[in-house]
Amino acid sequence: MEKPKVLLYGVLLLQFLCSLHFAVSSANSNFTDQSALLAIQSKLTFDPTKTVLGGNWTTTTSFCNWIGVSCSKQRQRVTALNLSYMGLQGTIFPHVGNLSSLVSLDLRNNSFIGLLPHEISRLPRLRILVLQENELEGNIPPTLYQCRQLEIISLAANRLNGLIPKELGLLPRLQQLYLAKNSLMSGEIPSSLGNISTLKRLSLDQCGLTGSFPSALLNLSSLVAISLYDKNISGFLPIDICDNHWPNVQIFSVSYNKFSGLIPSWIHQCAQLVTLSLSYNSLVGSIPREIGSLQYLEELYLDGNNLTGTIPPTIGEIPSGGLFSNLTAKSFLANKGLCGRPDFGVPPCLSHNTQKSKTPLNRLTYILPVIASTIILPAVIYMLAKNQKRNAEIPRSDTNLMAEEHRFISYNDLCRATNDFCESNSLGVGGFGSMYKGILFDGTTVAIKVLNLQREGGL
C-alpha cells in the first residue's frame, strides 16, 4: 500500500523540479534580455530626447516598462523594440541577437552608423526588420535568410554596398522588401527573388543596379508594387508582365533606366494599375491607346522618351474619380514627336497643305495651351496667333486644324470670355501682343495672350 504514495511523491517532486527549472530558465532569459538592452544602450552616443540615455532605461525598473520595449505577457520576454524617429546616434550592438523572442525591430529614422550586425540572423521569431533612414554601411548579411519568419525587410536610405544577397530568395514568408537609396550597391537584381511567392512590394530605387530585368520576377504573382527607379537597368520591358503573371499589380515604376523598344500594348491587362511610370528611358513608337482603358490609373509618366505620334484620345476620357487625377503636362514632356493633346500641354497635330490652299491662316494659326502661373492671375494661357483681320476664315481644306479647333477651344469662346477683347479687360500690352482677362463658360478665370504677327518676333 506504500507504493502509490511513493509514486505520488515522485510526481510532485517532478512537477516542482520542472517549475523550478522553468523559473530559473525564465529568470536567465529575462536577465539575458535586460543585458542585451543595456548593451544596446551603452553603444548610443547621442539621444536628443533623453528617452533612452536619460529616461527610464535603468535597472530600478522592469525592462518591460522601458520606453520603446514591448514584452510578452506570460514570460516577460522582449518581443518588440521600437526606437524609431528619436534622432539617436551610435552603433547597433551585436547583443541585439540575444533577444531571442524578438518579433519586431524598428530603428528607422535615426543616425546609426557602422555595420549591420550579422547576429540579427540569430532571431528565429523576427518578422519585421526596419532599419531605414540611418547611416549603416557594409554588406547586407546573407545569413538573414535564417530568419525564416521575416515578412518585412526595410533597409532603405542607408549606405549599404555590395550585392543584394541571393539568399534572400530563400525567405518563405517575405512580403515587403525595401532596399532603395543604397547608391553604393552594385551588380544585378538576383533572379532568386522570383522564388518568393509571397512577395507583394519590391523597391530597389537608386541602388546603382545594372543588368536587365530578370524574367524570374514574373513569377511573383502576389506582387502589388515594384519600383526600379534607377539608372542602369536595360533591355526591353517584359512582354508578358500582365499576362497572368501580375494580376494585382498597382504600381509599376521603372523610370530613369535604359529600357528601349515599344510600350507594350499588353499594359492594359494590368487592370489594377494606379501608377505607371516609364519616364526617362529610351522608349520609342506610339502610346498604346489601350492605356486609356485602365479604370484605376491615377498617375501616368511617359516624359523623357522618344515617343512619337498622337496621344490617344482615349487617355483622359474615362469618367472622373479615378483616372489621371494627377495627370499634368509633365507626363508627356521631352517627347518631341508627340502631338494631339493641347489640354495636356502638347500641341495639336497640324497638317497644313500649302499646295492645296494658298489662303493664309488669318483667324487662327494654332492653339497651344501652356500650363503657367502669373503674379496677376494663375491661369492657363492660351496663345493665339492672329493677323489684323480677326474675322478672316479658316481654310476649309485644312480639316485637321478645324477638328482641333472644335475639339479643344474655339475663337468665339475666347471672344465671349473677354467681351470681344474689350479694353476694360486688358491686363497690359507686351512686346509681341496684348494680355486680356477672361472668364470661361465654367467660371474659370484665365489670362489670354493675343500675339500680333505684324510685330517682329511675334510668330
Protein backbone atom coordinates (compact mmCIF):
# COMPACT_ATOMS: atom_id res chain seq x y z
CA MET A 1 0.00 0.00 0.00
CA GLU A 2 3.04 2.26 0.25
CA LYS A 3 3.75 2.25 -3.50
CA PRO A 4 1.02 4.72 -4.54
CA LYS A 5 2.32 7.27 -2.00
CA VAL A 6 5.85 6.90 -3.30
CA LEU A 7 4.56 7.40 -6.85
CA LEU A 8 2.58 10.46 -5.81
CA TYR A 9 5.58 11.99 -4.09
CA GLY A 10 7.63 11.32 -7.20
CA VAL A 11 5.13 13.12 -9.44
CA LEU A 12 5.01 16.10 -7.12
CA LEU A 13 8.79 16.24 -6.97
CA LEU A 14 8.98 16.13 -10.76
CA GLN A 15 6.47 18.95 -11.06
CA PHE A 16 8.43 21.01 -8.54
CA LEU A 17 11.67 20.45 -10.40
CA CYS A 18 10.04 21.40 -13.71
CA SER A 19 8.60 24.55 -12.17
CA LEU A 20 11.96 25.37 -10.66
CA HIS A 21 13.68 24.79 -13.99
CA PHE A 22 11.14 27.00 -15.76
CA ALA A 23 11.58 29.71 -13.15
CA VAL A 24 15.37 29.53 -13.39
CA SER A 25 15.23 29.46 -17.21
CA SER A 26 12.78 32.35 -17.24
CA ALA A 27 14.97 34.32 -14.87
CA ASN A 28 18.01 33.61 -17.00
CA SER A 29 16.14 34.61 -20.15
CA ASN A 30 14.92 37.82 -18.55
CA PHE A 31 18.45 38.60 -17.42
CA THR A 32 19.70 37.95 -20.94
CA ASP A 33 17.10 40.32 -22.41
CA GLN A 34 17.91 43.04 -19.89
CA SER A 35 21.63 42.66 -20.52
CA ALA A 36 21.10 42.89 -24.28
CA LEU A 37 19.07 46.09 -23.93
CA LEU A 38 21.66 47.64 -21.65
CA ALA A 39 24.36 46.73 -24.16
CA ILE A 40 22.35 48.45 -26.91
CA GLN A 41 22.01 51.49 -24.64
CA SER A 42 25.75 51.56 -23.99
CA LYS A 43 26.53 51.99 -27.69
CA LEU A 44 24.43 55.16 -28.03
CA THR A 45 26.47 58.33 -28.27
CA PHE A 46 23.66 60.87 -28.56
CA ASP A 47 20.00 60.92 -27.52
CA PRO A 48 18.43 64.34 -28.12
CA THR A 49 15.15 63.42 -26.43
CA LYS A 50 16.84 61.75 -23.45
CA THR A 51 14.43 58.86 -23.90
CA VAL A 52 16.96 56.04 -23.67
CA LEU A 53 20.03 57.63 -22.13
CA GLY A 54 18.18 59.77 -19.64
CA GLY A 55 14.79 58.13 -19.37
CA ASN A 56 13.57 55.03 -17.59
CA TRP A 57 16.14 52.63 -19.06
CA THR A 58 17.59 51.75 -15.63
CA THR A 59 17.77 48.58 -13.58
CA THR A 60 15.49 50.12 -10.97
CA THR A 61 12.51 49.48 -13.24
CA SER A 62 11.45 46.43 -15.18
CA PHE A 63 12.81 46.49 -18.72
CA CYS A 64 9.32 45.62 -19.94
CA ASN A 65 8.33 49.13 -18.84
CA TRP A 66 11.17 50.85 -20.68
CA ILE A 67 10.17 53.25 -23.43
CA GLY A 68 10.22 51.52 -26.82
CA VAL A 69 10.21 48.00 -25.32
CA SER A 70 7.30 45.58 -25.56
CA CYS A 71 7.15 42.21 -23.79
CA SER A 72 5.04 39.09 -23.93
CA LYS A 73 2.51 38.90 -21.12
CA GLN A 74 3.25 35.40 -19.89
CA ARG A 75 7.02 35.07 -19.99
CA GLN A 76 8.04 38.74 -19.85
CA ARG A 77 10.35 38.37 -22.84
CA VAL A 78 11.13 41.25 -25.23
CA THR A 79 9.02 40.85 -28.36
CA ALA A 80 9.40 44.31 -29.93
CA LEU A 81 11.96 47.10 -29.82
CA ASN A 82 10.83 50.38 -31.40
CA LEU A 83 13.24 53.32 -31.13
CA SER A 84 12.20 54.98 -34.39
CA TYR A 85 12.26 58.74 -35.02
CA MET A 86 14.28 59.54 -31.88
CA GLY A 87 17.36 61.07 -33.51
CA LEU A 88 19.63 58.50 -31.87
CA GLN A 89 23.29 58.23 -32.77
CA GLY A 90 25.60 55.29 -32.24
CA THR A 91 26.03 51.72 -33.43
CA ILE A 92 23.75 48.70 -33.34
CA PHE A 93 25.31 46.41 -30.75
CA PRO A 94 25.62 42.73 -31.77
CA HIS A 95 23.91 41.76 -28.50
CA VAL A 96 20.61 42.50 -30.24
CA GLY A 97 20.92 38.91 -31.43
CA ASN A 98 20.37 37.74 -27.83
CA LEU A 99 16.77 38.97 -27.83
CA SER A 100 15.66 35.53 -28.96
CA SER A 101 11.92 36.25 -28.64
CA LEU A 102 12.09 39.45 -30.68
CA VAL A 103 9.38 39.72 -33.34
CA SER A 104 9.82 43.34 -34.45
CA LEU A 105 12.92 45.57 -34.59
CA ASP A 106 12.24 49.14 -35.73
CA LEU A 107 15.11 51.66 -35.57
CA ARG A 108 14.13 53.79 -38.55
CA ASN A 109 14.95 57.46 -38.96
CA ASN A 110 17.93 57.73 -36.62
CA SER A 111 21.66 58.12 -37.21
CA PHE A 112 23.01 54.64 -36.51
CA ILE A 113 26.37 54.06 -38.15
CA GLY A 114 28.65 51.10 -38.72
CA LEU A 115 27.86 47.63 -39.96
CA LEU A 116 24.56 45.82 -39.89
CA PRO A 117 25.32 43.11 -37.29
CA HIS A 118 25.00 39.60 -38.68
CA GLU A 119 23.87 38.50 -35.19
CA ILE A 120 20.38 39.63 -36.21
CA SER A 121 20.25 36.33 -38.08
CA ARG A 122 20.02 34.57 -34.70
CA LEU A 123 16.48 35.87 -34.15
CA PRO A 124 14.24 32.93 -35.14
CA ARG A 125 10.93 34.73 -34.46
CA LEU A 126 11.77 38.03 -36.20
CA ARG A 127 9.03 39.10 -38.62
CA ILE A 128 9.70 42.84 -39.03
CA LEU A 129 13.14 44.38 -39.60
CA VAL A 130 13.00 48.13 -40.27
CA LEU A 131 16.32 49.99 -40.22
CA GLN A 132 15.69 52.51 -42.98
CA GLU A 133 16.96 56.11 -42.96
CA ASN A 134 20.14 55.58 -40.97
CA GLU A 135 23.82 55.62 -41.96
CA LEU A 136 24.59 51.91 -41.90
CA GLU A 137 27.44 50.67 -44.06
CA GLY A 138 28.83 47.43 -45.38
CA ASN A 139 27.04 44.44 -46.85
CA ILE A 140 23.60 43.07 -46.23
CA PRO A 141 24.26 39.88 -44.24
CA PRO A 142 23.39 36.91 -46.47
CA THR A 143 22.62 34.98 -43.28
CA LEU A 144 19.36 36.93 -42.92
CA TYR A 145 17.68 34.02 -44.68
CA GLN A 146 17.95 32.17 -41.36
CA CYS A 147 15.21 34.44 -40.00
CA ARG A 148 12.60 32.25 -41.63
CA GLN A 149 9.65 34.24 -40.24
CA LEU A 150 10.66 37.55 -41.84
CA GLU A 151 7.78 39.33 -43.56
CA ILE A 152 9.16 42.88 -43.88
CA ILE A 153 12.74 43.98 -44.58
CA SER A 154 13.34 47.71 -44.95
CA LEU A 155 16.97 48.83 -45.20
CA ALA A 156 16.31 51.79 -47.48
CA ALA A 157 18.21 55.09 -47.33
CA ASN A 158 21.44 53.83 -45.77
CA ARG A 159 24.97 53.50 -47.15
CA LEU A 160 24.95 49.78 -47.74
CA ASN A 161 27.09 48.43 -50.55
CA GLY A 162 27.90 45.15 -52.22
CA LEU A 163 25.43 42.77 -53.80
CA ILE A 164 21.84 42.00 -52.94
CA PRO A 165 22.22 38.57 -51.31
CA LYS A 166 20.71 35.87 -53.47
CA GLU A 167 19.93 34.06 -50.20
CA LEU A 168 17.03 36.46 -49.62
CA GLY A 169 15.17 34.35 -52.15
CA LEU A 170 15.05 31.59 -49.53
CA LEU A 171 12.76 33.56 -47.21
CA PRO A 172 9.41 31.74 -47.45
CA ARG A 173 7.18 34.45 -45.93
CA LEU A 174 8.70 37.73 -47.10
CA GLN A 175 6.06 40.21 -48.26
CA GLN A 176 7.88 43.53 -48.45
CA LEU A 177 11.49 44.24 -49.44
CA TYR A 178 12.76 47.83 -49.47
CA LEU A 179 16.41 48.41 -50.37
CA ALA A 180 16.09 51.79 -52.11
CA LYS A 181 18.65 54.61 -51.87
CA ASN A 182 21.67 52.49 -51.13
CA SER A 183 23.52 54.03 -54.04
CA LEU A 184 26.79 52.18 -53.50
CA MET A 185 25.20 48.83 -54.30
CA SER A 186 26.34 47.05 -57.43
CA GLY A 187 25.51 44.04 -59.52
CA GLU A 188 22.28 42.74 -60.98
CA ILE A 189 18.91 42.05 -59.45
CA PRO A 190 19.21 38.44 -58.24
CA SER A 191 16.79 36.17 -60.06
CA SER A 192 16.33 34.26 -56.81
CA LEU A 193 13.93 36.99 -55.67
CA GLY A 194 11.48 35.42 -58.10
CA ASN A 195 11.26 32.45 -55.74
CA ILE A 196 9.50 34.48 -53.03
CA SER A 197 5.91 33.62 -53.90
CA THR A 198 4.60 35.79 -51.04
CA LEU A 199 6.37 39.00 -52.12
CA LYS A 200 3.97 41.93 -52.60
CA ARG A 201 6.18 45.03 -52.62
CA LEU A 202 9.69 45.36 -54.06
CA SER A 203 11.57 48.67 -54.04
CA LEU A 204 15.09 48.85 -55.45
CA ASP A 205 15.17 52.55 -56.36
CA GLN A 206 18.55 54.25 -56.70
CA CYS A 207 20.63 51.23 -55.81
CA GLY A 208 23.10 51.55 -58.68
CA LEU A 209 22.00 48.21 -60.08
CA THR A 210 22.94 47.07 -63.57
CA GLY A 211 21.86 44.37 -65.99
CA SER A 212 18.44 43.56 -67.36
CA PHE A 213 15.05 42.97 -65.87
CA PRO A 214 15.10 39.38 -64.52
CA SER A 215 12.37 37.34 -66.14
CA ALA A 216 12.21 35.33 -62.91
CA LEU A 217 10.40 38.27 -61.30
CA LEU A 218 7.41 37.40 -63.44
CA ASN A 219 6.85 34.52 -61.03
CA LEU A 220 5.79 36.98 -58.31
CA SER A 221 2.07 36.50 -58.79
CA SER A 222 1.31 38.26 -55.47
CA LEU A 223 3.15 41.44 -56.50
CA VAL A 224 1.30 44.71 -55.85
CA ALA A 225 4.09 47.27 -56.33
CA ILE A 226 7.50 47.23 -57.98
CA SER A 227 9.80 50.23 -58.18
CA LEU A 228 13.13 50.16 -60.05
CA TYR A 229 13.74 53.90 -60.28
CA ASP A 230 17.42 53.60 -61.16
CA LYS A 231 19.82 54.44 -63.98
CA ASN A 232 21.26 51.29 -65.42
CA ILE A 233 18.55 48.64 -65.84
CA SER A 234 18.42 47.95 -69.57
CA GLY A 235 16.73 45.81 -72.19
CA PHE A 236 13.11 45.59 -73.27
CA LEU A 237 10.13 45.76 -70.96
CA PRO A 238 8.96 42.17 -70.33
CA ILE A 239 6.39 41.34 -72.96
CA ASP A 240 4.05 39.39 -70.72
CA ILE A 241 4.07 41.09 -67.30
CA CYS A 242 0.32 41.43 -67.23
CA ASP A 243 -0.50 38.15 -68.91
CA ASN A 244 -1.48 36.06 -65.88
CA HIS A 245 1.72 36.99 -64.06
CA TRP A 246 0.97 40.13 -62.03
CA PRO A 247 -2.82 40.29 -61.93
CA ASN A 248 -2.84 42.52 -58.84
CA VAL A 249 -0.01 44.96 -59.62
CA GLN A 250 -0.94 48.57 -58.80
CA ILE A 251 2.40 50.36 -59.09
CA PHE A 252 4.83 49.72 -61.94
CA SER A 253 7.66 52.27 -61.79
CA VAL A 254 10.83 51.80 -63.86
CA SER A 255 11.72 55.43 -64.62
CA TYR A 256 15.27 56.66 -65.21
CA ASN A 257 16.67 53.48 -66.67
CA LYS A 258 17.75 52.31 -70.10
CA PHE A 259 14.70 50.38 -71.26
CA SER A 260 14.23 50.55 -75.02
CA GLY A 261 11.71 49.43 -77.59
CA LEU A 262 7.97 49.95 -77.61
CA ILE A 263 5.50 50.43 -74.80
CA PRO A 264 3.74 47.05 -74.97
CA SER A 265 0.02 47.11 -75.64
CA TRP A 266 -0.38 44.37 -73.01
CA ILE A 267 -0.16 47.03 -70.32
CA HIS A 268 -3.96 47.32 -70.25
CA GLN A 269 -4.15 43.77 -68.93
CA CYS A 270 -2.76 45.09 -65.62
CA ALA A 271 -6.28 46.16 -64.80
CA GLN A 272 -5.47 47.25 -61.22
CA LEU A 273 -2.74 49.75 -62.19
CA VAL A 274 -2.81 53.02 -60.25
CA THR A 275 0.67 54.32 -61.15
CA LEU A 276 2.53 53.71 -64.42
CA SER A 277 5.91 55.43 -64.53
CA LEU A 278 8.14 54.89 -67.58
CA SER A 279 9.87 58.29 -67.65
CA TYR A 280 13.36 58.89 -68.99
CA ASN A 281 14.11 55.67 -70.73
CA SER A 282 14.69 55.13 -74.45
CA LEU A 283 11.21 54.02 -75.41
CA VAL A 284 10.07 54.65 -78.98
CA GLY A 285 6.92 54.37 -81.03
CA SER A 286 3.43 55.48 -80.14
CA ILE A 287 1.48 55.43 -76.90
CA PRO A 288 -0.86 52.41 -76.92
CA ARG A 289 -4.45 53.55 -76.94
CA GLU A 290 -5.20 50.61 -74.62
CA ILE A 291 -3.75 52.62 -71.69
CA GLY A 292 -6.97 54.62 -71.78
CA SER A 293 -8.92 51.56 -70.66
CA LEU A 294 -7.18 51.35 -67.27
CA GLN A 295 -10.02 52.27 -64.94
CA TYR A 296 -7.98 52.89 -61.78
CA LEU A 297 -4.97 54.68 -63.27
CA GLU A 298 -4.23 57.95 -61.49
CA GLU A 299 -0.61 58.68 -62.38
CA LEU A 300 0.96 58.32 -65.82
CA TYR A 301 4.56 59.37 -66.52
CA LEU A 302 5.92 58.94 -70.04
CA ASP A 303 8.13 62.03 -70.23
CA GLY A 304 11.73 61.91 -71.37
CA ASN A 305 11.47 59.19 -74.02
CA ASN A 306 11.47 59.18 -77.82
CA LEU A 307 7.76 58.64 -78.31
CA THR A 308 6.02 59.81 -81.46
CA GLY A 309 2.54 60.14 -82.90
CA THR A 310 -0.73 61.32 -81.48
CA ILE A 311 -1.61 60.98 -77.82
CA PRO A 312 -4.60 58.61 -77.92
CA PRO A 313 -7.90 60.40 -77.36
CA THR A 314 -8.90 57.55 -75.02
CA ILE A 315 -6.45 58.91 -72.43
CA GLY A 316 -8.42 61.11 -70.12
CA GLU A 317 -11.91 60.14 -71.29
CA ILE A 318 -12.65 57.64 -68.53
CA PRO A 319 -15.21 59.07 -66.04
CA SER A 320 -13.66 61.21 -63.34
CA GLY A 321 -13.00 59.88 -59.86
CA GLY A 322 -10.12 57.62 -60.67
CA LEU A 323 -8.25 58.04 -63.92
CA PHE A 324 -5.40 60.52 -64.21
CA SER A 325 -6.22 62.61 -61.15
CA ASN A 326 -2.55 63.66 -61.14
CA LEU A 327 -2.07 63.89 -64.89
CA THR A 328 -0.20 67.05 -65.90
CA ALA A 329 1.71 68.37 -68.86
CA LYS A 330 4.85 66.91 -67.27
CA SER A 331 3.56 63.45 -68.09
CA PHE A 332 4.47 63.95 -71.75
CA LEU A 333 7.36 66.43 -71.72
CA ALA A 334 10.60 65.80 -73.64
CA ASN A 335 8.87 63.67 -76.27
CA LYS A 336 9.35 65.94 -79.26
CA GLY A 337 7.46 63.65 -81.59
CA LEU A 338 4.19 63.69 -79.61
CA CYS A 339 1.22 65.84 -80.52
CA GLY A 340 -2.52 65.97 -80.30
CA ARG A 341 -3.45 66.96 -76.73
CA PRO A 342 -3.28 70.71 -76.05
CA ASP A 343 -5.22 70.15 -72.83
CA PHE A 344 -2.18 68.18 -71.58
CA GLY A 345 0.31 70.80 -72.73
CA VAL A 346 1.08 69.04 -76.02
CA PRO A 347 0.49 70.94 -79.31
CA PRO A 348 -2.15 69.69 -81.71
CA CYS A 349 -1.23 67.59 -84.71
CA LEU A 350 -1.47 70.08 -87.61
CA SER A 351 -1.18 69.21 -91.29
CA HIS A 352 -1.41 72.34 -93.41
CA ASN A 353 -1.02 71.61 -97.09
CA THR A 354 0.19 74.78 -98.74
CA GLN A 355 -0.09 73.28 -102.25
CA LYS A 356 -3.85 72.71 -101.98
CA SER A 357 -4.64 76.01 -100.34
CA LYS A 358 -2.75 79.27 -100.56
CA THR A 359 -5.16 81.02 -98.21
CA PRO A 360 -3.28 82.20 -95.12
CA LEU A 361 -4.43 81.12 -91.71
CA ASN A 362 -5.63 84.58 -90.71
CA ARG A 363 -8.13 83.86 -87.96
CA LEU A 364 -6.25 81.17 -86.11
CA THR A 365 -2.82 79.77 -86.89
CA TYR A 366 -2.52 77.45 -83.89
CA ILE A 367 -3.81 76.90 -80.41
CA LEU A 368 -1.25 75.91 -77.82
CA PRO A 369 -2.26 75.80 -74.15
CA VAL A 370 0.65 76.23 -71.81
CA ILE A 371 0.50 75.46 -68.11
CA ALA A 372 1.65 78.63 -66.40
CA SER A 373 1.15 80.94 -63.47
CA THR A 374 1.41 84.70 -63.32
CA ILE A 375 1.57 87.13 -60.46
CA ILE A 376 -1.73 88.60 -61.56
CA LEU A 377 -3.78 85.51 -62.40
CA PRO A 378 -2.94 81.82 -62.04
CA ALA A 379 -4.25 80.54 -65.32
CA VAL A 380 -3.90 78.50 -68.44
CA ILE A 381 -2.53 80.95 -71.03
CA TYR A 382 -3.97 80.38 -74.47
CA MET A 383 -1.58 81.70 -77.09
CA LEU A 384 -3.42 82.79 -80.24
CA ALA A 385 -1.65 83.86 -83.41
CA LYS A 386 -3.66 86.48 -85.26
CA ASN A 387 -3.37 88.97 -88.09
CA GLN A 388 -5.13 92.28 -88.22
CA LYS A 389 -8.11 90.67 -89.95
CA ARG A 390 -9.50 88.97 -86.86
CA ASN A 391 -12.62 87.61 -88.56
CA ALA A 392 -10.99 86.05 -91.63
CA GLU A 393 -11.96 82.49 -92.49
CA ILE A 394 -10.06 79.32 -91.64
CA PRO A 395 -9.27 77.48 -94.92
CA ARG A 396 -11.90 74.83 -95.50
CA SER A 397 -9.27 72.49 -96.89
CA ASP A 398 -7.49 72.25 -93.55
CA THR A 399 -9.96 69.89 -91.90
CA ASN A 400 -7.48 68.64 -89.31
CA LEU A 401 -6.97 72.11 -87.93
CA MET A 402 -10.71 72.71 -87.86
CA ALA A 403 -11.21 69.47 -85.93
CA GLU A 404 -8.61 70.50 -83.35
CA GLU A 405 -10.27 73.90 -83.00
CA HIS A 406 -13.67 72.34 -82.49
CA ARG A 407 -12.34 69.72 -80.04
CA PHE A 408 -10.43 71.90 -77.61
CA ILE A 409 -11.44 75.57 -77.73
CA SER A 410 -12.95 77.97 -80.26
CA TYR A 411 -12.03 81.52 -81.02
CA ASN A 412 -15.62 82.63 -80.37
CA ASP A 413 -15.47 81.25 -76.83
CA LEU A 414 -12.46 83.46 -76.14
CA CYS A 415 -14.23 86.44 -77.63
CA ARG A 416 -17.16 85.89 -75.28
CA ALA A 417 -14.83 85.33 -72.32
CA THR A 418 -13.17 88.74 -72.88
CA ASN A 419 -16.26 90.62 -74.10
CA ASP A 420 -14.77 90.67 -77.59
CA PHE A 421 -11.35 91.62 -76.23
CA CYS A 422 -12.74 94.73 -74.66
CA GLU A 423 -10.22 97.27 -73.42
CA SER A 424 -11.76 97.11 -69.94
CA ASN A 425 -10.45 93.53 -69.74
CA SER A 426 -6.93 94.46 -70.84
CA LEU A 427 -4.14 93.44 -68.49
CA GLY A 428 -1.41 95.18 -70.47
CA VAL A 429 0.49 95.26 -73.73
CA GLY A 430 3.81 93.50 -74.21
CA GLY A 431 6.41 93.38 -76.92
CA PHE A 432 4.58 90.82 -79.05
CA GLY A 433 0.91 91.29 -78.20
CA SER A 434 -1.74 92.07 -75.62
CA MET A 435 -2.94 90.27 -72.49
CA TYR A 436 -6.61 90.10 -71.53
CA LYS A 437 -8.54 88.83 -68.55
CA GLY A 438 -11.23 86.31 -69.45
CA ILE A 439 -13.87 84.24 -67.71
CA LEU A 440 -14.66 80.94 -69.40
CA PHE A 441 -18.10 79.36 -69.54
CA ASP A 442 -17.39 77.23 -66.44
CA GLY A 443 -16.36 80.25 -64.38
CA THR A 444 -12.60 79.69 -64.66
CA THR A 445 -10.62 82.95 -64.72
CA VAL A 446 -7.80 82.89 -67.27
CA ALA A 447 -5.28 85.19 -68.84
CA ILE A 448 -5.41 85.21 -72.66
CA LYS A 449 -2.49 86.48 -74.68
CA VAL A 450 -3.10 87.55 -78.27
CA LEU A 451 0.08 87.58 -80.34
CA ASN A 452 0.42 90.19 -83.06
CA LEU A 453 2.18 88.62 -86.02
CA GLN A 454 2.72 92.04 -87.60
CA ARG A 455 5.32 92.76 -84.94
CA GLU A 456 8.80 91.39 -85.42
CA GLY A 457 9.27 88.30 -83.29
CA GLY A 458 5.55 87.74 -82.80
CA LEU A 459 5.47 84.46 -84.65
